[in-house]
PDB file of N, CA and C in Angstrom:
ATOM      1  N   MET A   1      -7.323  10.913  -9.277  1.00  0.00           N
ATOM      2  CA  MET A   1      -6.440  10.315  -8.193  1.00  0.00           C
ATOM      3  C   MET A   1      -6.252   8.660  -8.496  1.00  0.00           C
ATOM      4  N   LYS A   2      -4.727   8.426  -8.566  1.00  0.00           N
ATOM      5  CA  LYS A   2      -4.490   7.155  -8.803  1.00  0.00           C
ATOM      6  C   LYS A   2      -3.826   6.663  -7.283  1.00  0.00           C
ATOM      7  N   VAL A   3      -4.437   5.345  -6.981  1.00  0.00           N
ATOM      8  CA  VAL A   3      -3.896   4.726  -5.688  1.00  0.00           C
ATOM      9  C   VAL A   3      -3.411   3.238  -6.017  1.00  0.00           C
ATOM     10  N   LEU A   4      -2.287   2.976  -5.184  1.00  0.00           N
ATOM     11  CA  LEU A   4      -1.721   1.703  -5.109  1.00  0.00           C
ATOM     12  C   LEU A   4      -2.158   1.094  -3.803  1.00  0.00           C
ATOM     13  N   ASN A   5      -2.626   0.170  -3.590  1.00  0.00           N
ATOM     14  CA  ASN A   5      -3.180  -0.610  -2.120  1.00  0.00           C
ATOM     15  C   ASN A   5      -2.299  -1.811  -1.991  1.00  0.00           C
ATOM     16  N   PHE A   6      -1.269  -1.738  -1.139  1.00  0.00           N
ATOM     17  CA  PHE A   6      -0.744  -2.857  -0.811  1.00  0.00           C
ATOM     18  C   PHE A   6      -1.410  -3.586   0.393  1.00  0.00           C
ATOM     19  N   GLU A   7      -2.125  -4.777   0.040  1.00  0.00           N
ATOM     20  CA  GLU A   7      -2.874  -5.538   0.742  1.00  0.00           C
ATOM     21  C   GLU A   7      -3.165  -6.915   0.381  1.00  0.00           C
ATOM     22  N   ASP A   8      -2.863  -8.122   1.286  1.00  0.00           N
ATOM     23  CA  ASP A   8      -3.007  -9.453   0.777  1.00  0.00           C
ATOM     24  C   ASP A   8      -4.354  -9.956   1.310  1.00  0.00           C
ATOM     25  N   SER A   9      -4.964  -9.421   1.925  1.00  0.00           N
ATOM     26  CA  SER A   9      -6.566  -9.739   2.129  1.00  0.00           C
ATOM     27  C   SER A   9      -7.436  -9.311   1.022  1.00  0.00           C
ATOM     28  N   VAL A  10      -8.262  -9.939   0.101  1.00  0.00           N
ATOM     29  CA  VAL A  10      -9.154  -9.610  -0.809  1.00  0.00           C
ATOM     30  C   VAL A  10     -10.289  -8.995   0.028  1.00  0.00           C
ATOM     31  N   TYR A  11     -10.620  -9.394   1.062  1.00  0.00           N
ATOM     32  CA  TYR A  11     -11.659  -8.862   1.781  1.00  0.00           C
ATOM     33  C   TYR A  11     -11.325  -7.262   1.937  1.00  0.00           C
ATOM     34  N   LYS A  12     -10.506  -7.197   2.669  1.00  0.00           N
ATOM     35  CA  LYS A  12     -10.148  -5.556   2.951  1.00  0.00           C
ATOM     36  C   LYS A  12      -9.706  -4.984   1.976  1.00  0.00           C
ATOM     37  N   ALA A  13      -9.060  -5.576   0.708  1.00  0.00           N
ATOM     38  CA  ALA A  13      -8.788  -4.794  -0.463  1.00  0.00           C
ATOM     39  C   ALA A  13     -10.165  -4.115  -1.052  1.00  0.00           C
ATOM     40  N   ASN A  14     -11.140  -5.126  -0.979  1.00  0.00           N
ATOM     41  CA  ASN A  14     -12.533  -4.754  -1.606  1.00  0.00           C
ATOM     42  C   ASN A  14     -13.263  -3.795  -0.750  1.00  0.00           C
ATOM     43  N   ALA A  15     -12.922  -3.796   0.537  1.00  0.00           N
ATOM     44  CA  ALA A  15     -13.611  -2.836   1.613  1.00  0.00           C
ATOM     45  C   ALA A  15     -13.058  -1.385   1.093  1.00  0.00           C
ATOM     46  N   ILE A  16     -11.735  -1.228   0.953  1.00  0.00           N
ATOM     47  CA  ILE A  16     -10.777  -0.159   0.665  1.00  0.00           C
ATOM     48  C   ILE A  16     -11.419   0.410  -0.554  1.00  0.00           C
ATOM     49  N   ARG A  17     -11.445  -0.579  -1.557  1.00  0.00           N
ATOM     50  CA  ARG A  17     -11.883  -0.133  -2.902  1.00  0.00           C
ATOM     51  C   ARG A  17     -13.406   0.571  -2.916  1.00  0.00           C
ATOM     52  N   LYS A  18     -13.970   0.054  -2.204  1.00  0.00           N
ATOM     53  CA  LYS A  18     -15.577   0.391  -2.015  1.00  0.00           C
ATOM     54  C   LYS A  18     -15.544   1.822  -1.429  1.00  0.00           C
ATOM     55  N   VAL A  19     -14.721   2.088  -0.289  1.00  0.00           N
ATOM     56  CA  VAL A  19     -14.714   3.318   0.162  1.00  0.00           C
ATOM     57  C   VAL A  19     -14.246   4.451  -0.763  1.00  0.00           C
ATOM     58  N   LEU A  20     -13.073   4.169  -1.461  1.00  0.00           N
ATOM     59  CA  LEU A  20     -12.430   4.957  -2.304  1.00  0.00           C
ATOM     60  C   LEU A  20     -13.214   5.346  -3.540  1.00  0.00           C
ATOM     61  N   ASN A  21     -14.143   4.482  -4.160  1.00  0.00           N
ATOM     62  CA  ASN A  21     -14.890   4.589  -5.165  1.00  0.00           C
ATOM     63  C   ASN A  21     -16.133   5.389  -4.666  1.00  0.00           C
ATOM     64  N   GLN A  22     -16.500   5.414  -3.471  1.00  0.00           N
ATOM     65  CA  GLN A  22     -17.707   6.166  -3.123  1.00  0.00           C
ATOM     66  C   GLN A  22     -17.168   7.711  -3.000  1.00  0.00           C
ATOM     67  N   CYS A  23     -15.842   7.957  -2.815  1.00  0.00           N
ATOM     68  CA  CYS A  23     -15.329   9.118  -2.811  1.00  0.00           C
ATOM     69  C   CYS A  23     -14.802   9.520  -4.017  1.00  0.00           C
ATOM     70  N   GLY A  24     -15.126   8.831  -4.939  1.00  0.00           N
ATOM     71  CA  GLY A  24     -14.843   9.517  -6.387  1.00  0.00           C
ATOM     72  C   GLY A  24     -13.446   8.897  -6.987  1.00  0.00           C
ATOM     73  N   VAL A  25     -12.695   8.079  -6.311  1.00  0.00           N
ATOM     74  CA  VAL A  25     -11.608   7.411  -6.692  1.00  0.00           C
ATOM     75  C   VAL A  25     -11.726   6.139  -7.593  1.00  0.00           C
ATOM     76  N   ALA A  26     -11.353   6.264  -8.716  1.00  0.00           N
ATOM     77  CA  ALA A  26     -11.749   5.095  -9.790  1.00  0.00           C
ATOM     78  C   ALA A  26     -10.234   4.416 -10.126  1.00  0.00           C
ATOM     79  N   LYS A  27      -9.176   4.999 -10.058  1.00  0.00           N
ATOM     80  CA  LYS A  27      -7.853   4.534 -10.558  1.00  0.00           C
ATOM     81  C   LYS A  27      -7.503   3.729  -9.053  1.00  0.00           C
ATOM     82  N   ILE A  28      -7.636   2.601  -9.082  1.00  0.00           N
ATOM     83  CA  ILE A  28      -7.096   1.837  -7.596  1.00  0.00           C
ATOM     84  C   ILE A  28      -6.542   0.581  -8.056  1.00  0.00           C
ATOM     85  N   GLU A  29      -5.146   0.231  -7.884  1.00  0.00           N
ATOM     86  CA  GLU A  29      -4.519  -0.769  -8.146  1.00  0.00           C
ATOM     87  C   GLU A  29      -4.202  -1.392  -7.062  1.00  0.00           C
ATOM     88  N   LEU A  30      -4.389  -2.814  -7.164  1.00  0.00           N
ATOM     89  CA  LEU A  30      -3.956  -3.693  -5.802  1.00  0.00           C
ATOM     90  C   LEU A  30      -2.747  -4.535  -5.963  1.00  0.00           C
ATOM     91  N   VAL A  31      -1.978  -4.845  -4.894  1.00  0.00           N
ATOM     92  CA  VAL A  31      -0.660  -5.468  -5.089  1.00  0.00           C
ATOM     93  C   VAL A  31      -0.667  -6.311  -3.584  1.00  0.00           C
ATOM     94  N   SER A  32      -0.034  -7.514  -3.698  1.00  0.00           N
ATOM     95  CA  SER A  32      -0.054  -8.120  -2.395  1.00  0.00           C
ATOM     96  C   SER A  32       1.379  -8.402  -1.847  1.00  0.00           C
ATOM     97  N   ASN A  33       2.467  -7.726  -2.387  1.00  0.00           N
ATOM     98  CA  ASN A  33       3.803  -7.913  -1.661  1.00  0.00           C
ATOM     99  C   ASN A  33       4.502  -6.531  -2.216  1.00  0.00           C
ATOM    100  N   VAL A  34       5.667  -6.352  -1.398  1.00  0.00           N
ATOM    101  CA  VAL A  34       6.502  -5.219  -1.541  1.00  0.00           C
ATOM    102  C   VAL A  34       7.318  -5.138  -2.798  1.00  0.00           C
ATOM    103  N   GLU A  35       7.968  -6.399  -3.146  1.00  0.00           N
ATOM    104  CA  GLU A  35       8.690  -6.582  -4.432  1.00  0.00           C
ATOM    105  C   GLU A  35       8.065  -5.861  -5.725  1.00  0.00           C
ATOM    106  N   ASP A  36       6.903  -6.630  -5.634  1.00  0.00           N
ATOM    107  CA  ASP A  36       5.983  -6.420  -6.913  1.00  0.00           C
ATOM    108  C   ASP A  36       5.438  -4.922  -6.781  1.00  0.00           C
ATOM    109  N   GLY A  37       5.189  -4.476  -5.694  1.00  0.00           N
ATOM    110  CA  GLY A  37       4.548  -3.240  -5.612  1.00  0.00           C
ATOM    111  C   GLY A  37       5.835  -2.109  -5.873  1.00  0.00           C
ATOM    112  N   LEU A  38       6.815  -2.031  -5.454  1.00  0.00           N
ATOM    113  CA  LEU A  38       7.852  -1.348  -5.826  1.00  0.00           C
ATOM    114  C   LEU A  38       8.043  -1.087  -7.403  1.00  0.00           C
ATOM    115  N   GLN A  39       7.916  -2.142  -8.004  1.00  0.00           N
ATOM    116  CA  GLN A  39       7.868  -2.445  -9.315  1.00  0.00           C
ATOM    117  C   GLN A  39       6.972  -1.757 -10.176  1.00  0.00           C
ATOM    118  N   MET A  40       5.836  -1.824  -9.440  1.00  0.00           N
ATOM    119  CA  MET A  40       4.448  -1.046 -10.126  1.00  0.00           C
ATOM    120  C   MET A  40       4.593   0.375  -9.891  1.00  0.00           C
ATOM    121  N   LEU A  41       5.363   0.748  -8.703  1.00  0.00           N
ATOM    122  CA  LEU A  41       5.713   2.312  -8.677  1.00  0.00           C
ATOM    123  C   LEU A  41       6.547   2.737  -9.707  1.00  0.00           C
ATOM    124  N   LYS A  42       7.556   1.948  -9.829  1.00  0.00           N
ATOM    125  CA  LYS A  42       8.526   2.294 -10.969  1.00  0.00           C
ATOM    126  C   LYS A  42       7.832   2.392 -12.295  1.00  0.00           C
ATOM    127  N   ASN A  43       7.337   1.654 -12.717  1.00  0.00           N
ATOM    128  CA  ASN A  43       6.612   1.528 -14.070  1.00  0.00           C
ATOM    129  C   ASN A  43       5.732   2.693 -14.346  1.00  0.00           C
ATOM    130  N   ALA A  44       4.769   2.962 -13.112  1.00  0.00           N
ATOM    131  CA  ALA A  44       4.040   4.332 -13.233  1.00  0.00           C
ATOM    132  C   ALA A  44       4.765   5.365 -13.469  1.00  0.00           C
ATOM    133  N   GLU A  45       5.832   5.665 -12.635  1.00  0.00           N
ATOM    134  CA  GLU A  45       6.754   6.634 -12.939  1.00  0.00           C
ATOM    135  C   GLU A  45       7.456   6.865 -14.301  1.00  0.00           C
ATOM    136  N   ASP A  46       7.770   5.652 -14.570  1.00  0.00           N
ATOM    137  CA  ASP A  46       8.514   5.529 -15.957  1.00  0.00           C
ATOM    138  C   ASP A  46       7.577   5.926 -17.042  1.00  0.00           C
ATOM    139  N   THR A  47       6.128   5.689 -17.047  1.00  0.00           N
ATOM    140  CA  THR A  47       5.347   5.873 -18.044  1.00  0.00           C
ATOM    141  C   THR A  47       4.759   7.395 -18.007  1.00  0.00           C
ATOM    142  N   GLY A  48       5.213   7.989 -16.859  1.00  0.00           N
ATOM    143  CA  GLY A  48       4.634   9.254 -16.615  1.00  0.00           C
ATOM    144  C   GLY A  48       3.207   9.536 -15.831  1.00  0.00           C
ATOM    145  N   ASP A  49       2.806   8.091 -15.423  1.00  0.00           N
ATOM    146  CA  ASP A  49       1.547   8.361 -14.796  1.00  0.00           C
ATOM    147  C   ASP A  49       1.746   7.818 -13.267  1.00  0.00           C
ATOM    148  N   PRO A  50       2.507   8.338 -12.450  1.00  0.00           N
ATOM    149  CA  PRO A  50       2.466   7.899 -11.160  1.00  0.00           C
ATOM    150  C   PRO A  50       1.454   7.653 -10.366  1.00  0.00           C
ATOM    151  N   PHE A  51       1.691   6.884  -9.193  1.00  0.00           N
ATOM    152  CA  PHE A  51       0.594   7.035  -8.245  1.00  0.00           C
ATOM    153  C   PHE A  51       0.545   8.389  -7.121  1.00  0.00           C
ATOM    154  N   ASP A  52      -0.741   8.686  -6.845  1.00  0.00           N
ATOM    155  CA  ASP A  52      -0.615   9.947  -6.174  1.00  0.00           C
ATOM    156  C   ASP A  52      -0.923   9.342  -4.908  1.00  0.00           C
ATOM    157  N   LEU A  53      -1.447   8.213  -4.226  1.00  0.00           N
ATOM    158  CA  LEU A  53      -1.264   7.748  -3.028  1.00  0.00           C
ATOM    159  C   LEU A  53      -1.183   6.084  -2.735  1.00  0.00           C
ATOM    160  N   ILE A  54      -0.350   6.010  -1.726  1.00  0.00           N
ATOM    161  CA  ILE A  54      -0.327   4.413  -1.403  1.00  0.00           C
ATOM    162  C   ILE A  54      -1.202   4.233   0.014  1.00  0.00           C
ATOM    163  N   ILE A  55      -1.638   3.034  -0.095  1.00  0.00           N
ATOM    164  CA  ILE A  55      -2.430   2.818   1.047  1.00  0.00           C
ATOM    165  C   ILE A  55      -1.546   1.473   1.309  1.00  0.00           C
ATOM    166  N   THR A  56      -1.154   1.019   2.643  1.00  0.00           N
ATOM    167  CA  THR A  56      -0.680  -0.274   2.793  1.00  0.00           C
ATOM    168  C   THR A  56      -0.946  -0.611   4.013  1.00  0.00           C
ATOM    169  N   ASP A  57      -1.039  -2.033   4.066  1.00  0.00           N
ATOM    170  CA  ASP A  57      -1.532  -2.816   5.227  1.00  0.00           C
ATOM    171  C   ASP A  57      -0.228  -2.959   6.075  1.00  0.00           C
ATOM    172  N   MET A  58       0.230  -3.651   7.383  1.00  0.00           N
ATOM    173  CA  MET A  58       1.179  -3.962   8.161  1.00  0.00           C
ATOM    174  C   MET A  58       1.732  -5.170   7.532  1.00  0.00           C
ATOM    175  N   HIS A  59       0.981  -5.987   7.494  1.00  0.00           N
ATOM    176  CA  HIS A  59       1.166  -7.458   7.558  1.00  0.00           C
ATOM    177  C   HIS A  59       0.999  -8.167   6.095  1.00  0.00           C
ATOM    178  N   TYR A  60       2.169  -8.216   5.451  1.00  0.00           N
ATOM    179  CA  TYR A  60       1.853  -9.178   4.036  1.00  0.00           C
ATOM    180  C   TYR A  60       3.392  -9.577   3.494  1.00  0.00           C
ATOM    181  N   PRO A  61       3.200 -10.537   2.758  1.00  0.00           N
ATOM    182  CA  PRO A  61       4.889 -10.870   2.205  1.00  0.00           C
ATOM    183  C   PRO A  61       5.849  -9.590   1.508  1.00  0.00           C
ATOM    184  N   MET A  62       6.990  -9.665   1.771  1.00  0.00           N
ATOM    185  CA  MET A  62       7.812  -8.914   1.115  1.00  0.00           C
ATOM    186  C   MET A  62       8.040  -9.164  -0.370  1.00  0.00           C
ATOM    187  N   LYS A  63       7.821 -10.391  -0.871  1.00  0.00           N
ATOM    188  CA  LYS A  63       8.012 -10.930  -2.232  1.00  0.00           C
ATOM    189  C   LYS A  63       6.857 -11.967  -2.574  1.00  0.00           C
ATOM    190  N   GLN A  64       6.371 -12.065  -3.682  1.00  0.00           N
ATOM    191  CA  GLN A  64       5.254 -13.195  -3.936  1.00  0.00           C
ATOM    192  C   GLN A  64       6.031 -14.737  -3.802  1.00  0.00           C
ATOM    193  N   GLY A  65       4.976 -15.384  -2.911  1.00  0.00           N
ATOM    194  CA  GLY A  65       5.256 -16.861  -2.391  1.00  0.00           C
ATOM    195  C   GLY A  65       5.881 -16.771  -1.180  1.00  0.00           C
ATOM    196  N   ALA A  66       6.217 -15.486  -0.394  1.00  0.00           N
ATOM    197  CA  ALA A  66       7.026 -15.843   0.929  1.00  0.00           C
ATOM    198  C   ALA A  66       5.860 -15.472   1.966  1.00  0.00           C
ATOM    199  N   VAL A  67       6.201 -16.033   3.146  1.00  0.00           N
ATOM    200  CA  VAL A  67       5.267 -15.796   4.225  1.00  0.00           C
ATOM    201  C   VAL A  67       5.120 -14.357   4.740  1.00  0.00           C
ATOM    202  N   SER A  68       3.800 -13.835   5.207  1.00  0.00           N
ATOM    203  CA  SER A  68       3.735 -12.730   5.578  1.00  0.00           C
ATOM    204  C   SER A  68       4.572 -12.267   6.560  1.00  0.00           C
ATOM    205  N   ASP A  69       4.908 -10.666   6.460  1.00  0.00           N
ATOM    206  CA  ASP A  69       6.121 -10.322   7.284  1.00  0.00           C
ATOM    207  C   ASP A  69       5.264  -9.471   8.169  1.00  0.00           C
ATOM    208  N   THR A  70       5.552  -9.221   9.435  1.00  0.00           N
ATOM    209  CA  THR A  70       4.468  -8.482  10.292  1.00  0.00           C
ATOM    210  C   THR A  70       4.871  -6.888  10.271  1.00  0.00           C
ATOM    211  N   GLU A  71       6.063  -6.526   9.595  1.00  0.00           N
ATOM    212  CA  GLU A  71       6.653  -5.245   9.745  1.00  0.00           C
ATOM    213  C   GLU A  71       6.825  -4.679   8.054  1.00  0.00           C
ATOM    214  N   ALA A  72       6.151  -5.367   7.264  1.00  0.00           N
ATOM    215  CA  ALA A  72       6.093  -5.133   5.783  1.00  0.00           C
ATOM    216  C   ALA A  72       5.665  -3.976   5.518  1.00  0.00           C
ATOM    217  N   GLY A  73       4.667  -3.275   6.223  1.00  0.00           N
ATOM    218  CA  GLY A  73       4.285  -1.762   5.847  1.00  0.00           C
ATOM    219  C   GLY A  73       5.270  -0.885   5.971  1.00  0.00           C
ATOM    220  N   GLU A  74       6.031  -1.279   7.341  1.00  0.00           N
ATOM    221  CA  GLU A  74       7.024  -0.113   7.933  1.00  0.00           C
ATOM    222  C   GLU A  74       8.110  -0.287   7.155  1.00  0.00           C
ATOM    223  N   LYS A  75       8.585  -1.487   6.885  1.00  0.00           N
ATOM    224  CA  LYS A  75       9.588  -1.616   5.603  1.00  0.00           C
ATOM    225  C   LYS A  75       9.430  -0.892   4.442  1.00  0.00           C
ATOM    226  N   LEU A  76       8.246  -1.084   3.757  1.00  0.00           N
ATOM    227  CA  LEU A  76       7.852  -0.224   2.617  1.00  0.00           C
ATOM    228  C   LEU A  76       8.009   1.136   2.931  1.00  0.00           C
ATOM    229  N   VAL A  77       7.577   1.747   3.802  1.00  0.00           N
ATOM    230  CA  VAL A  77       7.741   3.362   4.092  1.00  0.00           C
ATOM    231  C   VAL A  77       9.042   3.647   4.322  1.00  0.00           C
ATOM    232  N   GLN A  78       9.914   2.623   4.754  1.00  0.00           N
ATOM    233  CA  GLN A  78      11.331   3.089   5.022  1.00  0.00           C
ATOM    234  C   GLN A  78      11.923   3.039   3.630  1.00  0.00           C
ATOM    235  N   LEU A  79      11.738   1.991   2.845  1.00  0.00           N
ATOM    236  CA  LEU A  79      12.190   2.079   1.510  1.00  0.00           C
ATOM    237  C   LEU A  79      11.803   3.243   0.614  1.00  0.00           C
ATOM    238  N   LEU A  80      10.453   3.869   0.798  1.00  0.00           N
ATOM    239  CA  LEU A  80      10.196   4.696   0.015  1.00  0.00           C
ATOM    240  C   LEU A  80      10.899   5.872   0.302  1.00  0.00           C
ATOM    241  N   GLN A  81      11.321   6.021   1.644  1.00  0.00           N
ATOM    242  CA  GLN A  81      11.975   7.262   2.167  1.00  0.00           C
ATOM    243  C   GLN A  81      13.435   7.023   1.621  1.00  0.00           C
ATOM    244  N   GLU A  82      13.966   6.027   1.865  1.00  0.00           N
ATOM    245  CA  GLU A  82      15.227   5.844   1.322  1.00  0.00           C
ATOM    246  C   GLU A  82      15.311   6.271  -0.237  1.00  0.00           C
ATOM    247  N   GLN A  83      14.455   5.823  -0.893  1.00  0.00           N
ATOM    248  CA  GLN A  83      14.474   6.349  -2.340  1.00  0.00           C
ATOM    249  C   GLN A  83      14.158   7.512  -2.716  1.00  0.00           C
ATOM    250  N   GLY A  84      13.718   8.441  -1.695  1.00  0.00           N
ATOM    251  CA  GLY A  84      13.529   9.892  -1.963  1.00  0.00           C
ATOM    252  C   GLY A  84      12.060   9.988  -2.467  1.00  0.00           C
ATOM    253  N   LYS A  85      11.164   9.098  -2.511  1.00  0.00           N
ATOM    254  CA  LYS A  85       9.676   9.102  -2.729  1.00  0.00           C
ATOM    255  C   LYS A  85       9.057  10.215  -2.225  1.00  0.00           C
ATOM    256  N   GLN A  86       8.136  10.997  -2.952  1.00  0.00           N
ATOM    257  CA  GLN A  86       7.257  11.802  -2.191  1.00  0.00           C
ATOM    258  C   GLN A  86       5.788  11.653  -1.935  1.00  0.00           C
ATOM    259  N   THR A  87       5.448  10.483  -2.725  1.00  0.00           N
ATOM    260  CA  THR A  87       4.130   9.831  -2.785  1.00  0.00           C
ATOM    261  C   THR A  87       3.642   9.766  -1.322  1.00  0.00           C
ATOM    262  N   LYS A  88       2.367  10.379  -1.021  1.00  0.00           N
ATOM    263  CA  LYS A  88       1.770  10.142   0.311  1.00  0.00           C
ATOM    264  C   LYS A  88       1.308   8.872   0.662  1.00  0.00           C
ATOM    265  N   VAL A  89       1.621   8.474   1.726  1.00  0.00           N
ATOM    266  CA  VAL A  89       1.312   6.839   2.252  1.00  0.00           C
ATOM    267  C   VAL A  89       0.071   6.997   3.669  1.00  0.00           C
ATOM    268  N   ILE A  90      -0.813   6.324   3.310  1.00  0.00           N
ATOM    269  CA  ILE A  90      -1.593   6.027   4.488  1.00  0.00           C
ATOM    270  C   ILE A  90      -1.507   4.335   4.634  1.00  0.00           C
ATOM    271  N   VAL A  91      -1.033   4.168   6.134  1.00  0.00           N
ATOM    272  CA  VAL A  91      -0.726   2.923   6.552  1.00  0.00           C
ATOM    273  C   VAL A  91      -2.009   2.656   7.519  1.00  0.00           C
ATOM    274  N   CYS A  92      -2.539   1.394   7.167  1.00  0.00           N
ATOM    275  CA  CYS A  92      -3.928   1.244   7.308  1.00  0.00           C
ATOM    276  C   CYS A  92      -4.016  -0.344   7.920  1.00  0.00           C
ATOM    277  N   SER A  93      -4.089  -0.866   9.018  1.00  0.00           N
ATOM    278  CA  SER A  93      -3.891  -2.251   9.394  1.00  0.00           C
ATOM    279  C   SER A  93      -5.033  -2.302  10.448  1.00  0.00           C
ATOM    280  N   SER A  94      -5.752  -3.841  10.231  1.00  0.00           N
ATOM    281  CA  SER A  94      -6.667  -4.027  11.012  1.00  0.00           C
ATOM    282  C   SER A  94      -6.067  -4.437  12.605  1.00  0.00           C
ATOM    283  N   ARG A  95      -4.921  -4.950  12.502  1.00  0.00           N
ATOM    284  CA  ARG A  95      -4.382  -5.080  13.843  1.00  0.00           C
ATOM    285  C   ARG A  95      -3.009  -4.399  14.085  1.00  0.00           C
ATOM    286  N   ASN A  96      -2.511  -3.824  14.970  1.00  0.00           N
ATOM    287  CA  ASN A  96      -1.456  -3.311  15.262  1.00  0.00           C
ATOM    288  C   ASN A  96      -0.784  -3.983  16.541  1.00  0.00           C
ATOM    289  N   LYS A  97       0.386  -3.533  16.794  1.00  0.00           N
ATOM    290  CA  LYS A  97       1.221  -4.285  17.792  1.00  0.00           C
ATOM    291  C   LYS A  97       0.362  -4.629  19.226  1.00  0.00           C
ATOM    292  N   ILE A  98      -0.609  -3.713  19.473  1.00  0.00           N
ATOM    293  CA  ILE A  98      -1.376  -3.794  20.715  1.00  0.00           C
ATOM    294  C   ILE A  98      -2.784  -4.220  20.469  1.00  0.00           C
ATOM    295  N   GLY A  99      -2.898  -4.901  19.334  1.00  0.00           N
ATOM    296  CA  GLY A  99      -4.520  -5.484  19.095  1.00  0.00           C
ATOM    297  C   GLY A  99      -5.537  -4.400  18.639  1.00  0.00           C
ATOM    298  N   ARG A 100      -5.200  -3.117  18.254  1.00  0.00           N
ATOM    299  CA  ARG A 100      -6.401  -2.621  18.030  1.00  0.00           C
ATOM    300  C   ARG A 100      -6.201  -2.235  16.532  1.00  0.00           C
ATOM    301  N   ALA A 101      -7.386  -1.811  16.032  1.00  0.00           N
ATOM    302  CA  ALA A 101      -7.481  -1.261  14.636  1.00  0.00           C
ATOM    303  C   ALA A 101      -6.484   0.087  14.306  1.00  0.00           C
ATOM    304  N   SER A 102      -5.798   0.355  13.210  1.00  0.00           N
ATOM    305  CA  SER A 102      -5.091   1.402  13.201  1.00  0.00           C
ATOM    306  C   SER A 102      -4.841   1.712  11.970  1.00  0.00           C
ATOM    307  N   CYS A 103      -4.781   3.192  11.725  1.00  0.00           N
ATOM    308  CA  CYS A 103      -4.594   3.967  10.476  1.00  0.00           C
ATOM    309  C   CYS A 103      -3.716   5.043  10.630  1.00  0.00           C
ATOM    310  N   ARG A 104      -2.709   5.202  10.052  1.00  0.00           N
ATOM    311  CA  ARG A 104      -1.679   6.501  10.253  1.00  0.00           C
ATOM    312  C   ARG A 104      -1.574   7.082   8.661  1.00  0.00           C
ATOM    313  N   GLU A 105      -1.432   8.187   8.616  1.00  0.00           N
ATOM    314  CA  GLU A 105      -0.636   8.879   7.220  1.00  0.00           C
ATOM    315  C   GLU A 105       0.541   9.425   7.513  1.00  0.00           C
ATOM    316  N   ARG A 106       1.464   9.143   6.693  1.00  0.00           N
ATOM    317  CA  ARG A 106       2.847   9.950   6.384  1.00  0.00           C
ATOM    318  C   ARG A 106       2.480  10.819   5.109  1.00  0.00           C
ATOM    319  N   VAL A 107       2.948  11.992   5.333  1.00  0.00           N
ATOM    320  CA  VAL A 107       2.874  13.013   4.532  1.00  0.00           C
ATOM    321  C   VAL A 107       4.147  13.651   3.932  1.00  0.00           C
TER     322      VAL A 107
END
């Protein structure tokens, strides 16, 4: 299984990597913004080695060098749907709009 993790916190990215590794997942790539992540998805598809799963935080920049966008995860999911992508997405964030930990899956 090949996973792309959209996360701008190194601490959270390492925690997610650790859990995935314990589950036998070794191919995990990290990206910290939507723009670069969409390019990574395209490159993986173009080379015939697409990602099987996307894990996304909710709050991170839309592009490199930009400020964090509190709706980046939702915007990513919307962009993927508009592009007709079928890759499974897990939305996992340490804070949601009402301040509690949250994880959701879109299949």
